[in-house]
Amino acid sequence: METGVNYGQLYQQLKQEAGLEIDYAKLTVTEKLVKILSAIAILLILLFVASSLLVIISLSAIHSLESLLNGNIWAAAGIVLGALLLLFGILWSYRKQLIVNPISRYFSKLILDAPSQQ
């Protein structure tokens, strides 16, 4: 009865297992990188659309206020500018709750969560 261990076969199995683990790690990194890049792309598109909408809404507000202020476009522009500065001030003061925390939560979930084993 032979009780010896076939070290060559054991080495080949360990080598194959290590290769599979490396491939799995590569796939996981690729998946997470794609998710990060797609989130960045969506964010850039949303920022472009939001800034375009802000310009259009500001110009229409200036035009509407101009008619209410008897043609005084500078006063209308000043009112809209004040409203925008107030809006940006509010956003700046709540930037941690509105921007930083959701982004850090998203990336920490993406990076730290273990993938489900099926």
PDB file of N, CA and C in Angstrom:
ATOM      1  N   MET A   1       0.829  -1.175   0.000  1.00  0.00           N
ATOM      2  CA  MET A   1       0.000   0.000   0.000  1.00  0.00           C
ATOM      3  C   MET A   1       0.881   1.247   0.000  1.00  0.00           C
ATOM      4  N   GLU A   2       0.627   2.116  -0.917  1.00  0.00           N
ATOM      5  CA  GLU A   2       1.476   3.302  -1.067  1.00  0.00           C
ATOM      6  C   GLU A   2       0.831   4.481  -0.348  1.00  0.00           C
ATOM      7  N   THR A   3       1.560   5.106   0.557  1.00  0.00           N
ATOM      8  CA  THR A   3       1.052   6.262   1.291  1.00  0.00           C
ATOM      9  C   THR A   3       1.771   7.545   0.872  1.00  0.00           C
ATOM     10  N   GLY A   4       2.605   7.477  -0.095  1.00  0.00           N
ATOM     11  CA  GLY A   4       3.361   8.631  -0.538  1.00  0.00           C
ATOM     12  C   GLY A   4       2.462   9.648  -1.241  1.00  0.00           C
ATOM     13  N   VAL A   5       2.865  10.904  -1.170  1.00  0.00           N
ATOM     14  CA  VAL A   5       2.128  11.999  -1.793  1.00  0.00           C
ATOM     15  C   VAL A   5       2.787  12.324  -3.120  1.00  0.00           C
ATOM     16  N   ASN A   6       1.994  12.482  -4.124  1.00  0.00           N
ATOM     17  CA  ASN A   6       2.501  12.849  -5.437  1.00  0.00           C
ATOM     18  C   ASN A   6       2.660  14.373  -5.470  1.00  0.00           C
ATOM     19  N   TYR A   7       3.879  14.824  -5.195  1.00  0.00           N
ATOM     20  CA  TYR A   7       4.144  16.249  -5.090  1.00  0.00           C
ATOM     21  C   TYR A   7       4.007  16.964  -6.429  1.00  0.00           C
ATOM     22  N   GLY A   8       4.290  16.296  -7.488  1.00  0.00           N
ATOM     23  CA  GLY A   8       4.151  16.902  -8.810  1.00  0.00           C
ATOM     24  C   GLY A   8       2.701  17.229  -9.120  1.00  0.00           C
ATOM     25  N   GLN A   9       1.820  16.276  -8.808  1.00  0.00           N
ATOM     26  CA  GLN A   9       0.397  16.502  -9.054  1.00  0.00           C
ATOM     27  C   GLN A   9      -0.137  17.588  -8.122  1.00  0.00           C
ATOM     28  N   LEU A  10       0.295  17.585  -6.865  1.00  0.00           N
ATOM     29  CA  LEU A  10      -0.123  18.606  -5.908  1.00  0.00           C
ATOM     30  C   LEU A  10       0.341  19.989  -6.361  1.00  0.00           C
ATOM     31  N   TYR A  11       1.569  20.073  -6.865  1.00  0.00           N
ATOM     32  CA  TYR A  11       2.104  21.335  -7.365  1.00  0.00           C
ATOM     33  C   TYR A  11       1.278  21.847  -8.547  1.00  0.00           C
ATOM     34  N   GLN A  12       0.927  20.954  -9.466  1.00  0.00           N
ATOM     35  CA  GLN A  12       0.133  21.351 -10.629  1.00  0.00           C
ATOM     36  C   GLN A  12      -1.252  21.852 -10.211  1.00  0.00           C
ATOM     37  N   GLN A  13      -1.864  21.191  -9.237  1.00  0.00           N
ATOM     38  CA  GLN A  13      -3.179  21.624  -8.760  1.00  0.00           C
ATOM     39  C   GLN A  13      -3.096  22.987  -8.073  1.00  0.00           C
ATOM     40  N   LEU A  14      -2.063  23.199  -7.259  1.00  0.00           N
ATOM     41  CA  LEU A  14      -1.884  24.504  -6.610  1.00  0.00           C
ATOM     42  C   LEU A  14      -1.608  25.602  -7.630  1.00  0.00           C
ATOM     43  N   LYS A  15      -0.830  25.259  -8.644  1.00  0.00           N
ATOM     44  CA  LYS A  15      -0.527  26.225  -9.700  1.00  0.00           C
ATOM     45  C   LYS A  15      -1.796  26.597 -10.466  1.00  0.00           C
ATOM     46  N   GLN A  16      -2.639  25.611 -10.747  1.00  0.00           N
ATOM     47  CA  GLN A  16      -3.891  25.871 -11.453  1.00  0.00           C
ATOM     48  C   GLN A  16      -4.833  26.705 -10.579  1.00  0.00           C
ATOM     49  N   GLU A  17      -4.913  26.387  -9.302  1.00  0.00           N
ATOM     50  CA  GLU A  17      -5.760  27.151  -8.373  1.00  0.00           C
ATOM     51  C   GLU A  17      -5.288  28.601  -8.268  1.00  0.00           C
ATOM     52  N   ALA A  18      -3.988  28.811  -8.190  1.00  0.00           N
ATOM     53  CA  ALA A  18      -3.438  30.171  -8.118  1.00  0.00           C
ATOM     54  C   ALA A  18      -3.757  30.941  -9.390  1.00  0.00           C
ATOM     55  N   GLY A  19      -3.674  30.289 -10.540  1.00  0.00           N
ATOM     56  CA  GLY A  19      -4.018  30.938 -11.802  1.00  0.00           C
ATOM     57  C   GLY A  19      -5.478  31.332 -11.854  1.00  0.00           C
ATOM     58  N   LEU A  20      -6.347  30.460 -11.349  1.00  0.00           N
ATOM     59  CA  LEU A  20      -7.774  30.780 -11.318  1.00  0.00           C
ATOM     60  C   LEU A  20      -8.066  31.942 -10.369  1.00  0.00           C
ATOM     61  N   GLU A  21      -7.383  31.980  -9.241  1.00  0.00           N
ATOM     62  CA  GLU A  21      -7.578  33.087  -8.291  1.00  0.00           C
ATOM     63  C   GLU A  21      -7.100  34.406  -8.892  1.00  0.00           C
ATOM     64  N   ILE A  22      -6.009  34.373  -9.616  1.00  0.00           N
ATOM     65  CA  ILE A  22      -5.503  35.589 -10.267  1.00  0.00           C
ATOM     66  C   ILE A  22      -6.487  36.061 -11.326  1.00  0.00           C
ATOM     67  N   ASP A  23      -7.020  35.128 -12.111  1.00  0.00           N
ATOM     68  CA  ASP A  23      -8.018  35.496 -13.116  1.00  0.00           C
ATOM     69  C   ASP A  23      -9.264  36.087 -12.466  1.00  0.00           C
ATOM     70  N   TYR A  24      -9.698  35.505 -11.351  1.00  0.00           N
ATOM     71  CA  TYR A  24     -10.865  36.024 -10.641  1.00  0.00           C
ATOM     72  C   TYR A  24     -10.592  37.437 -10.127  1.00  0.00           C
ATOM     73  N   ALA A  25      -9.400  37.674  -9.598  1.00  0.00           N
ATOM     74  CA  ALA A  25      -9.039  39.007  -9.108  1.00  0.00           C
ATOM     75  C   ALA A  25      -9.027  40.017 -10.254  1.00  0.00           C
ATOM     76  N   LYS A  26      -8.520  39.614 -11.409  1.00  0.00           N
ATOM     77  CA  LYS A  26      -8.514  40.500 -12.568  1.00  0.00           C
ATOM     78  C   LYS A  26      -9.932  40.855 -12.991  1.00  0.00           C
ATOM     79  N   LEU A  27     -10.811  39.877 -13.009  1.00  0.00           N
ATOM     80  CA  LEU A  27     -12.202  40.132 -13.383  1.00  0.00           C
ATOM     81  C   LEU A  27     -12.891  41.056 -12.371  1.00  0.00           C
ATOM     82  N   THR A  28     -12.604  40.855 -11.100  1.00  0.00           N
ATOM     83  CA  THR A  28     -13.202  41.703 -10.064  1.00  0.00           C
ATOM     84  C   THR A  28     -12.723  43.144 -10.199  1.00  0.00           C
ATOM     85  N   VAL A  29     -11.434  43.318 -10.414  1.00  0.00           N
ATOM     86  CA  VAL A  29     -10.882  44.668 -10.582  1.00  0.00           C
ATOM     87  C   VAL A  29     -11.468  45.324 -11.834  1.00  0.00           C
ATOM     88  N   THR A  30     -11.589  44.571 -12.913  1.00  0.00           N
ATOM     89  CA  THR A  30     -12.156  45.107 -14.145  1.00  0.00           C
ATOM     90  C   THR A  30     -13.602  45.525 -13.932  1.00  0.00           C
ATOM     91  N   GLU A  31     -14.381  44.709 -13.246  1.00  0.00           N
ATOM     92  CA  GLU A  31     -15.791  45.027 -12.985  1.00  0.00           C
ATOM     93  C   GLU A  31     -15.913  46.310 -12.174  1.00  0.00           C
ATOM     94  N   LYS A  32     -15.101  46.438 -11.140  1.00  0.00           N
ATOM     95  CA  LYS A  32     -15.167  47.619 -10.285  1.00  0.00           C
ATOM     96  C   LYS A  32     -14.689  48.862 -11.023  1.00  0.00           C
ATOM     97  N   LEU A  33     -13.684  48.709 -11.864  1.00  0.00           N
ATOM     98  CA  LEU A  33     -13.196  49.835 -12.651  1.00  0.00           C
ATOM     99  C   LEU A  33     -14.253  50.305 -13.639  1.00  0.00           C
ATOM    100  N   VAL A  34     -14.957  49.377 -14.259  1.00  0.00           N
ATOM    101  CA  VAL A  34     -16.031  49.738 -15.190  1.00  0.00           C
ATOM    102  C   VAL A  34     -17.145  50.470 -14.447  1.00  0.00           C
ATOM    103  N   LYS A  35     -17.496  50.014 -13.257  1.00  0.00           N
ATOM    104  CA  LYS A  35     -18.531  50.692 -12.479  1.00  0.00           C
ATOM    105  C   LYS A  35     -18.108  52.108 -12.111  1.00  0.00           C
ATOM    106  N   ILE A  36     -16.847  52.276 -11.720  1.00  0.00           N
ATOM    107  CA  ILE A  36     -16.356  53.606 -11.359  1.00  0.00           C
ATOM    108  C   ILE A  36     -16.355  54.531 -12.575  1.00  0.00           C
ATOM    109  N   LEU A  37     -15.856  54.053 -13.700  1.00  0.00           N
ATOM    110  CA  LEU A  37     -15.803  54.884 -14.900  1.00  0.00           C
ATOM    111  C   LEU A  37     -17.197  55.225 -15.420  1.00  0.00           C
ATOM    112  N   SER A  38     -18.131  54.285 -15.337  1.00  0.00           N
ATOM    113  CA  SER A  38     -19.490  54.588 -15.786  1.00  0.00           C
ATOM    114  C   SER A  38     -20.149  55.596 -14.851  1.00  0.00           C
ATOM    115  N   ALA A  39     -19.879  55.513 -13.550  1.00  0.00           N
ATOM    116  CA  ALA A  39     -20.418  56.497 -12.620  1.00  0.00           C
ATOM    117  C   ALA A  39     -19.848  57.885 -12.901  1.00  0.00           C
ATOM    118  N   ILE A  40     -18.571  57.952 -13.226  1.00  0.00           N
ATOM    119  CA  ILE A  40     -17.952  59.240 -13.561  1.00  0.00           C
ATOM    120  C   ILE A  40     -18.543  59.800 -14.848  1.00  0.00           C
ATOM    121  N   ALA A  41     -18.746  58.948 -15.849  1.00  0.00           N
ATOM    122  CA  ALA A  41     -19.330  59.402 -17.110  1.00  0.00           C
ATOM    123  C   ALA A  41     -20.748  59.927 -16.910  1.00  0.00           C
ATOM    124  N   ILE A  42     -21.543  59.209 -16.129  1.00  0.00           N
ATOM    125  CA  ILE A  42     -22.906  59.663 -15.856  1.00  0.00           C
ATOM    126  C   ILE A  42     -22.894  60.979 -15.093  1.00  0.00           C
ATOM    127  N   LEU A  43     -21.992  61.110 -14.137  1.00  0.00           N
ATOM    128  CA  LEU A  43     -21.877  62.349 -13.381  1.00  0.00           C
ATOM    129  C   LEU A  43     -21.512  63.522 -14.286  1.00  0.00           C
ATOM    130  N   LEU A  44     -20.577  63.317 -15.206  1.00  0.00           N
ATOM    131  CA  LEU A  44     -20.193  64.396 -16.119  1.00  0.00           C
ATOM    132  C   LEU A  44     -21.347  64.797 -17.030  1.00  0.00           C
ATOM    133  N   ILE A  45     -22.098  63.825 -17.511  1.00  0.00           N
ATOM    134  CA  ILE A  45     -23.254  64.132 -18.358  1.00  0.00           C
ATOM    135  C   ILE A  45     -24.301  64.912 -17.565  1.00  0.00           C
ATOM    136  N   LEU A  46     -24.564  64.467 -16.332  1.00  0.00           N
ATOM    137  CA  LEU A  46     -25.542  65.172 -15.507  1.00  0.00           C
ATOM    138  C   LEU A  46     -25.087  66.593 -15.173  1.00  0.00           C
ATOM    139  N   LEU A  47     -23.807  66.782 -14.921  1.00  0.00           N
ATOM    140  CA  LEU A  47     -23.296  68.130 -14.657  1.00  0.00           C
ATOM    141  C   LEU A  47     -23.451  69.038 -15.873  1.00  0.00           C
ATOM    142  N   PHE A  48     -23.207  68.496 -17.065  1.00  0.00           N
ATOM    143  CA  PHE A  48     -23.366  69.281 -18.282  1.00  0.00           C
ATOM    144  C   PHE A  48     -24.832  69.675 -18.486  1.00  0.00           C
ATOM    145  N   VAL A  49     -25.719  68.714 -18.312  1.00  0.00           N
ATOM    146  CA  VAL A  49     -27.151  68.996 -18.489  1.00  0.00           C
ATOM    147  C   VAL A  49     -27.636  69.985 -17.435  1.00  0.00           C
ATOM    148  N   ALA A  50     -27.208  69.791 -16.182  1.00  0.00           N
ATOM    149  CA  ALA A  50     -27.641  70.684 -15.106  1.00  0.00           C
ATOM    150  C   ALA A  50     -27.125  72.108 -15.318  1.00  0.00           C
ATOM    151  N   SER A  51     -25.890  72.242 -15.759  1.00  0.00           N
ATOM    152  CA  SER A  51     -25.368  73.589 -15.991  1.00  0.00           C
ATOM    153  C   SER A  51     -26.062  74.258 -17.177  1.00  0.00           C
ATOM    154  N   SER A  52     -26.380  73.485 -18.202  1.00  0.00           N
ATOM    155  CA  SER A  52     -27.121  74.049 -19.337  1.00  0.00           C
ATOM    156  C   SER A  52     -28.510  74.505 -18.907  1.00  0.00           C
ATOM    157  N   LEU A  53     -29.180  73.678 -18.106  1.00  0.00           N
ATOM    158  CA  LEU A  53     -30.501  74.054 -17.603  1.00  0.00           C
ATOM    159  C   LEU A  53     -30.432  75.285 -16.709  1.00  0.00           C
ATOM    160  N   LEU A  54     -29.393  75.382 -15.909  1.00  0.00           N
ATOM    161  CA  LEU A  54     -29.241  76.541 -15.029  1.00  0.00           C
ATOM    162  C   LEU A  54     -29.079  77.825 -15.838  1.00  0.00           C
ATOM    163  N   VAL A  55     -28.330  77.768 -16.916  1.00  0.00           N
ATOM    164  CA  VAL A  55     -28.159  78.947 -17.769  1.00  0.00           C
ATOM    165  C   VAL A  55     -29.488  79.326 -18.418  1.00  0.00           C
ATOM    166  N   ILE A  56     -30.210  78.349 -18.939  1.00  0.00           N
ATOM    167  CA  ILE A  56     -31.488  78.632 -19.600  1.00  0.00           C
ATOM    168  C   ILE A  56     -32.500  79.186 -18.605  1.00  0.00           C
ATOM    169  N   ILE A  57     -32.594  78.580 -17.437  1.00  0.00           N
ATOM    170  CA  ILE A  57     -33.539  79.063 -16.418  1.00  0.00           C
ATOM    171  C   ILE A  57     -33.151  80.455 -15.949  1.00  0.00           C
ATOM    172  N   SER A  58     -31.867  80.716 -15.790  1.00  0.00           N
ATOM    173  CA  SER A  58     -31.419  82.050 -15.358  1.00  0.00           C
ATOM    174  C   SER A  58     -31.765  83.109 -16.392  1.00  0.00           C
ATOM    175  N   LEU A  59     -31.528  82.801 -17.654  1.00  0.00           N
ATOM    176  CA  LEU A  59     -31.847  83.772 -18.705  1.00  0.00           C
ATOM    177  C   LEU A  59     -33.347  84.028 -18.811  1.00  0.00           C
ATOM    178  N   SER A  60     -34.135  82.977 -18.661  1.00  0.00           N
ATOM    179  CA  SER A  60     -35.588  83.183 -18.716  1.00  0.00           C
ATOM    180  C   SER A  60     -36.075  83.952 -17.485  1.00  0.00           C
ATOM    181  N   ALA A  61     -35.465  83.723 -16.320  1.00  0.00           N
ATOM    182  CA  ALA A  61     -35.829  84.486 -15.123  1.00  0.00           C
ATOM    183  C   ALA A  61     -35.454  85.954 -15.285  1.00  0.00           C
ATOM    184  N   ILE A  62     -34.305  86.218 -15.871  1.00  0.00           N
ATOM    185  CA  ILE A  62     -33.904  87.604 -16.126  1.00  0.00           C
ATOM    186  C   ILE A  62     -34.893  88.271 -17.071  1.00  0.00           C
ATOM    187  N   HIS A  63     -35.278  87.572 -18.113  1.00  0.00           N
ATOM    188  CA  HIS A  63     -36.225  88.137 -19.082  1.00  0.00           C
ATOM    189  C   HIS A  63     -37.587  88.401 -18.421  1.00  0.00           C
ATOM    190  N   SER A  64     -38.061  87.486 -17.583  1.00  0.00           N
ATOM    191  CA  SER A  64     -39.352  87.672 -16.904  1.00  0.00           C
ATOM    192  C   SER A  64     -39.290  88.817 -15.902  1.00  0.00           C
ATOM    193  N   LEU A  65     -38.207  88.880 -15.133  1.00  0.00           N
ATOM    194  CA  LEU A  65     -38.066  89.972 -14.167  1.00  0.00           C
ATOM    195  C   LEU A  65     -37.895  91.323 -14.852  1.00  0.00           C
ATOM    196  N   GLU A  66     -37.291  91.318 -16.013  1.00  0.00           N
ATOM    197  CA  GLU A  66     -37.106  92.581 -16.754  1.00  0.00           C
ATOM    198  C   GLU A  66     -38.449  93.211 -17.085  1.00  0.00           C
ATOM    199  N   SER A  67     -39.394  92.377 -17.490  1.00  0.00           N
ATOM    200  CA  SER A  67     -40.713  92.933 -17.812  1.00  0.00           C
ATOM    201  C   SER A  67     -41.423  93.424 -16.553  1.00  0.00           C
ATOM    202  N   LEU A  68     -41.175  92.768 -15.402  1.00  0.00           N
ATOM    203  CA  LEU A  68     -41.782  93.228 -14.155  1.00  0.00           C
ATOM    204  C   LEU A  68     -41.131  94.497 -13.618  1.00  0.00           C
ATOM    205  N   LEU A  69     -39.870  94.719 -13.952  1.00  0.00           N
ATOM    206  CA  LEU A  69     -39.119  95.873 -13.448  1.00  0.00           C
ATOM    207  C   LEU A  69     -39.058  97.007 -14.472  1.00  0.00           C
ATOM    208  N   ASN A  70     -39.999  97.052 -15.386  1.00  0.00           N
ATOM    209  CA  ASN A  70     -40.116  98.136 -16.381  1.00  0.00           C
ATOM    210  C   ASN A  70     -38.871  98.262 -17.255  1.00  0.00           C
ATOM    211  N   GLY A  71     -38.353  97.134 -17.697  1.00  0.00           N
ATOM    212  CA  GLY A  71     -37.248  97.147 -18.643  1.00  0.00           C
ATOM    213  C   GLY A  71     -35.876  97.306 -18.023  1.00  0.00           C
ATOM    214  N   ASN A  72     -35.748  97.268 -16.723  1.00  0.00           N
ATOM    215  CA  ASN A  72     -34.445  97.413 -16.070  1.00  0.00           C
ATOM    216  C   ASN A  72     -33.770  96.034 -16.013  1.00  0.00           C
ATOM    217  N   ILE A  73     -32.969  95.755 -17.048  1.00  0.00           N
ATOM    218  CA  ILE A  73     -32.335  94.434 -17.151  1.00  0.00           C
ATOM    219  C   ILE A  73     -31.249  94.241 -16.106  1.00  0.00           C
ATOM    220  N   TRP A  74     -30.574  95.320 -15.699  1.00  0.00           N
ATOM    221  CA  TRP A  74     -29.504  95.198 -14.715  1.00  0.00           C
ATOM    222  C   TRP A  74     -30.054  94.808 -13.350  1.00  0.00           C
ATOM    223  N   ALA A  75     -31.187  95.341 -13.000  1.00  0.00           N
ATOM    224  CA  ALA A  75     -31.803  94.972 -11.726  1.00  0.00           C
ATOM    225  C   ALA A  75     -32.257  93.515 -11.769  1.00  0.00           C
ATOM    226  N   ALA A  76     -32.827  93.105 -12.901  1.00  0.00           N
ATOM    227  CA  ALA A  76     -33.272  91.716 -13.047  1.00  0.00           C
ATOM    228  C   ALA A  76     -32.083  90.768 -12.965  1.00  0.00           C
ATOM    229  N   ALA A  77     -30.991  91.124 -13.635  1.00  0.00           N
ATOM    230  CA  ALA A  77     -29.791  90.286 -13.591  1.00  0.00           C
ATOM    231  C   ALA A  77     -29.215  90.245 -12.174  1.00  0.00           C
ATOM    232  N   GLY A  78     -29.268  91.357 -11.461  1.00  0.00           N
ATOM    233  CA  GLY A  78     -28.782  91.394 -10.082  1.00  0.00           C
ATOM    234  C   GLY A  78     -29.609  90.506  -9.164  1.00  0.00           C
ATOM    235  N   ILE A  79     -30.919  90.505  -9.356  1.00  0.00           N
ATOM    236  CA  ILE A  79     -31.782  89.654  -8.535  1.00  0.00           C
ATOM    237  C   ILE A  79     -31.489  88.184  -8.804  1.00  0.00           C
ATOM    238  N   VAL A  80     -31.353  87.823 -10.077  1.00  0.00           N
ATOM    239  CA  VAL A  80     -31.052  86.435 -10.422  1.00  0.00           C
ATOM    240  C   VAL A  80     -29.669  86.043  -9.908  1.00  0.00           C
ATOM    241  N   LEU A  81     -28.715  86.944 -10.022  1.00  0.00           N
ATOM    242  CA  LEU A  81     -27.376  86.672  -9.498  1.00  0.00           C
ATOM    243  C   LEU A  81     -27.410  86.455  -7.993  1.00  0.00           C
ATOM    244  N   GLY A  82     -28.160  87.274  -7.289  1.00  0.00           N
ATOM    245  CA  GLY A  82     -28.287  87.102  -5.840  1.00  0.00           C
ATOM    246  C   GLY A  82     -28.917  85.765  -5.484  1.00  0.00           C
ATOM    247  N   ALA A  83     -29.933  85.374  -6.244  1.00  0.00           N
ATOM    248  CA  ALA A  83     -30.576  84.078  -5.996  1.00  0.00           C
ATOM    249  C   ALA A  83     -29.606  82.927  -6.264  1.00  0.00           C
ATOM    250  N   LEU A  84     -28.828  83.039  -7.334  1.00  0.00           N
ATOM    251  CA  LEU A  84     -27.840  81.998  -7.640  1.00  0.00           C
ATOM    252  C   LEU A  84     -26.748  81.928  -6.583  1.00  0.00           C
ATOM    253  N   LEU A  85     -26.277  83.086  -6.129  1.00  0.00           N
ATOM    254  CA  LEU A  85     -25.261  83.096  -5.067  1.00  0.00           C
ATOM    255  C   LEU A  85     -25.811  82.493  -3.782  1.00  0.00           C
ATOM    256  N   LEU A  86     -27.070  82.769  -3.469  1.00  0.00           N
ATOM    257  CA  LEU A  86     -27.698  82.169  -2.299  1.00  0.00           C
ATOM    258  C   LEU A  86     -27.791  80.653  -2.455  1.00  0.00           C
ATOM    259  N   LEU A  87     -28.188  80.194  -3.635  1.00  0.00           N
ATOM    260  CA  LEU A  87     -28.280  78.761  -3.908  1.00  0.00           C
ATOM    261  C   LEU A  87     -26.909  78.091  -3.787  1.00  0.00           C
ATOM    262  N   PHE A  88     -25.889  78.688  -4.381  1.00  0.00           N
ATOM    263  CA  PHE A  88     -24.546  78.119  -4.297  1.00  0.00           C
ATOM    264  C   PHE A  88     -24.014  78.156  -2.865  1.00  0.00           C
ATOM    265  N   GLY A  89     -24.353  79.189  -2.102  1.00  0.00           N
ATOM    266  CA  GLY A  89     -23.947  79.252  -0.698  1.00  0.00           C
ATOM    267  C   GLY A  89     -24.569  78.135   0.118  1.00  0.00           C
ATOM    268  N   ILE A  90     -25.851  77.864  -0.135  1.00  0.00           N
ATOM    269  CA  ILE A  90     -26.519  76.761   0.565  1.00  0.00           C
ATOM    270  C   ILE A  90     -25.885  75.426   0.178  1.00  0.00           C
ATOM    271  N   LEU A  91     -25.654  75.231  -1.117  1.00  0.00           N
ATOM    272  CA  LEU A  91     -25.007  73.997  -1.561  1.00  0.00           C
ATOM    273  C   LEU A  91     -23.612  73.850  -0.972  1.00  0.00           C
ATOM    274  N   TRP A  92     -22.867  74.942  -0.885  1.00  0.00           N
ATOM    275  CA  TRP A  92     -21.514  74.900  -0.336  1.00  0.00           C
ATOM    276  C   TRP A  92     -21.541  74.540   1.149  1.00  0.00           C
ATOM    277  N   SER A  93     -22.504  75.084   1.872  1.00  0.00           N
ATOM    278  CA  SER A  93     -22.548  74.806   3.301  1.00  0.00           C
ATOM    279  C   SER A  93     -22.989  73.372   3.600  1.00  0.00           C
ATOM    280  N   TYR A  94     -23.753  72.760   2.687  1.00  0.00           N
ATOM    281  CA  TYR A  94     -24.193  71.376   2.866  1.00  0.00           C
ATOM    282  C   TYR A  94     -23.462  70.410   1.933  1.00  0.00           C
ATOM    283  N   ARG A  95     -22.282  70.773   1.467  1.00  0.00           N
ATOM    284  CA  ARG A  95     -21.572  69.945   0.495  1.00  0.00           C
ATOM    285  C   ARG A  95     -21.188  68.580   1.056  1.00  0.00           C
ATOM    286  N   LYS A  96     -20.888  68.507   2.336  1.00  0.00           N
ATOM    287  CA  LYS A  96     -20.497  67.219   2.911  1.00  0.00           C
ATOM    288  C   LYS A  96     -21.678  66.252   2.902  1.00  0.00           C
ATOM    289  N   GLN A  97     -22.864  66.718   3.306  1.00  0.00           N
ATOM    290  CA  GLN A  97     -24.030  65.860   3.340  1.00  0.00           C
ATOM    291  C   GLN A  97     -24.550  65.541   1.941  1.00  0.00           C
ATOM    292  N   LEU A  98     -24.438  66.483   1.009  1.00  0.00           N
ATOM    293  CA  LEU A  98     -25.011  66.302  -0.328  1.00  0.00           C
ATOM    294  C   LEU A  98     -24.064  65.654  -1.330  1.00  0.00           C
ATOM    295  N   ILE A  99     -22.754  65.846  -1.153  1.00  0.00           N
ATOM    296  CA  ILE A  99     -21.814  65.386  -2.173  1.00  0.00           C
ATOM    297  C   ILE A  99     -20.800  64.393  -1.616  1.00  0.00           C
ATOM    298  N   VAL A 100     -20.085  64.776  -0.581  1.00  0.00           N
ATOM    299  CA  VAL A 100     -18.965  63.965  -0.090  1.00  0.00           C
ATOM    300  C   VAL A 100     -19.431  62.635   0.488  1.00  0.00           C
ATOM    301  N   ASN A 101     -20.426  62.664   1.375  1.00  0.00           N
ATOM    302  CA  ASN A 101     -20.882  61.418   2.009  1.00  0.00           C
ATOM    303  C   ASN A 101     -21.455  60.413   1.007  1.00  0.00           C
ATOM    304  N   PRO A 102     -22.328  60.815   0.071  1.00  0.00           N
ATOM    305  CA  PRO A 102     -22.823  59.814  -0.889  1.00  0.00           C
ATOM    306  C   PRO A 102     -21.725  59.222  -1.774  1.00  0.00           C
ATOM    307  N   ILE A 103     -20.772  60.036  -2.184  1.00  0.00           N
ATOM    308  CA  ILE A 103     -19.691  59.518  -3.025  1.00  0.00           C
ATOM    309  C   ILE A 103     -18.817  58.550  -2.240  1.00  0.00           C
ATOM    310  N   SER A 104     -18.468  58.913  -1.000  1.00  0.00           N
ATOM    311  CA  SER A 104     -17.630  58.011  -0.206  1.00  0.00           C
ATOM    312  C   SER A 104     -18.378  56.724   0.130  1.00  0.00           C
ATOM    313  N   ARG A 105     -19.686  56.816   0.371  1.00  0.00           N
ATOM    314  CA  ARG A 105     -20.481  55.617   0.635  1.00  0.00           C
ATOM    315  C   ARG A 105     -20.513  54.706  -0.591  1.00  0.00           C
ATOM    316  N   TYR A 106     -20.684  55.296  -1.779  1.00  0.00           N
ATOM    317  CA  TYR A 106     -20.726  54.508  -3.017  1.00  0.00           C
ATOM    318  C   TYR A 106     -19.409  53.773  -3.241  1.00  0.00           C
ATOM    319  N   PHE A 107     -18.297  54.492  -3.116  1.00  0.00           N
ATOM    320  CA  PHE A 107     -16.993  53.867  -3.369  1.00  0.00           C
ATOM    321  C   PHE A 107     -16.626  52.860  -2.286  1.00  0.00           C
ATOM    322  N   SER A 108     -16.989  53.135  -1.040  1.00  0.00           N
ATOM    323  CA  SER A 108     -16.672  52.158  -0.003  1.00  0.00           C
ATOM    324  C   SER A 108     -17.488  50.887  -0.183  1.00  0.00           C
ATOM    325  N   LYS A 109     -18.755  51.002  -0.592  1.00  0.00           N
ATOM    326  CA  LYS A 109     -19.546  49.802  -0.883  1.00  0.00           C
ATOM    327  C   LYS A 109     -18.957  49.042  -2.056  1.00  0.00           C
ATOM    328  N   LEU A 110     -18.549  49.769  -3.070  1.00  0.00           N
ATOM    329  CA  LEU A 110     -18.015  49.135  -4.271  1.00  0.00           C
ATOM    330  C   LEU A 110     -16.709  48.411  -3.982  1.00  0.00           C
ATOM    331  N   ILE A 111     -15.845  49.017  -3.210  1.00  0.00           N
ATOM    332  CA  ILE A 111     -14.519  48.448  -2.988  1.00  0.00           C
ATOM    333  C   ILE A 111     -14.508  47.427  -1.849  1.00  0.00           C
ATOM    334  N   LEU A 112     -15.231  47.716  -0.772  1.00  0.00           N
ATOM    335  CA  LEU A 112     -15.120  46.872   0.418  1.00  0.00           C
ATOM    336  C   LEU A 112     -16.076  45.694   0.457  1.00  0.00           C
ATOM    337  N   ASP A 113     -17.205  45.770  -0.236  1.00  0.00           N
ATOM    338  CA  ASP A 113     -18.146  44.652  -0.206  1.00  0.00           C
ATOM    339  C   ASP A 113     -17.567  43.454  -0.931  1.00  0.00           C
ATOM    340  N   ALA A 114     -17.690  42.308  -0.293  1.00  0.00           N
ATOM    341  CA  ALA A 114     -17.215  41.074  -0.899  1.00  0.00           C
ATOM    342  C   ALA A 114     -18.227  40.622  -1.952  1.00  0.00           C
ATOM    343  N   PRO A 115     -17.768  40.168  -3.088  1.00  0.00           N
ATOM    344  CA  PRO A 115     -18.701  39.691  -4.103  1.00  0.00           C
ATOM    345  C   PRO A 115     -19.409  38.422  -3.613  1.00  0.00           C
ATOM    346  N   SER A 116     -20.651  38.282  -4.032  1.00  0.00           N
ATOM    347  CA  SER A 116     -21.430  37.129  -3.567  1.00  0.00           C
ATOM    348  C   SER A 116     -20.956  35.865  -4.266  1.00  0.00           C
ATOM    349  N   GLN A 117     -20.822  34.813  -3.491  1.00  0.00           N
ATOM    350  CA  GLN A 117     -20.394  33.521  -4.029  1.00  0.00           C
ATOM    351  C   GLN A 117     -21.617  32.728  -4.457  1.00  0.00           C
ATOM    352  N   GLN A 118     -21.633  32.245  -5.672  1.00  0.00           N
ATOM    353  CA  GLN A 118     -22.773  31.486  -6.158  1.00  0.00           C
ATOM    354  C   GLN A 118     -22.372  30.073  -6.495  1.00  0.00           C
TER     355      GLN A 118
END
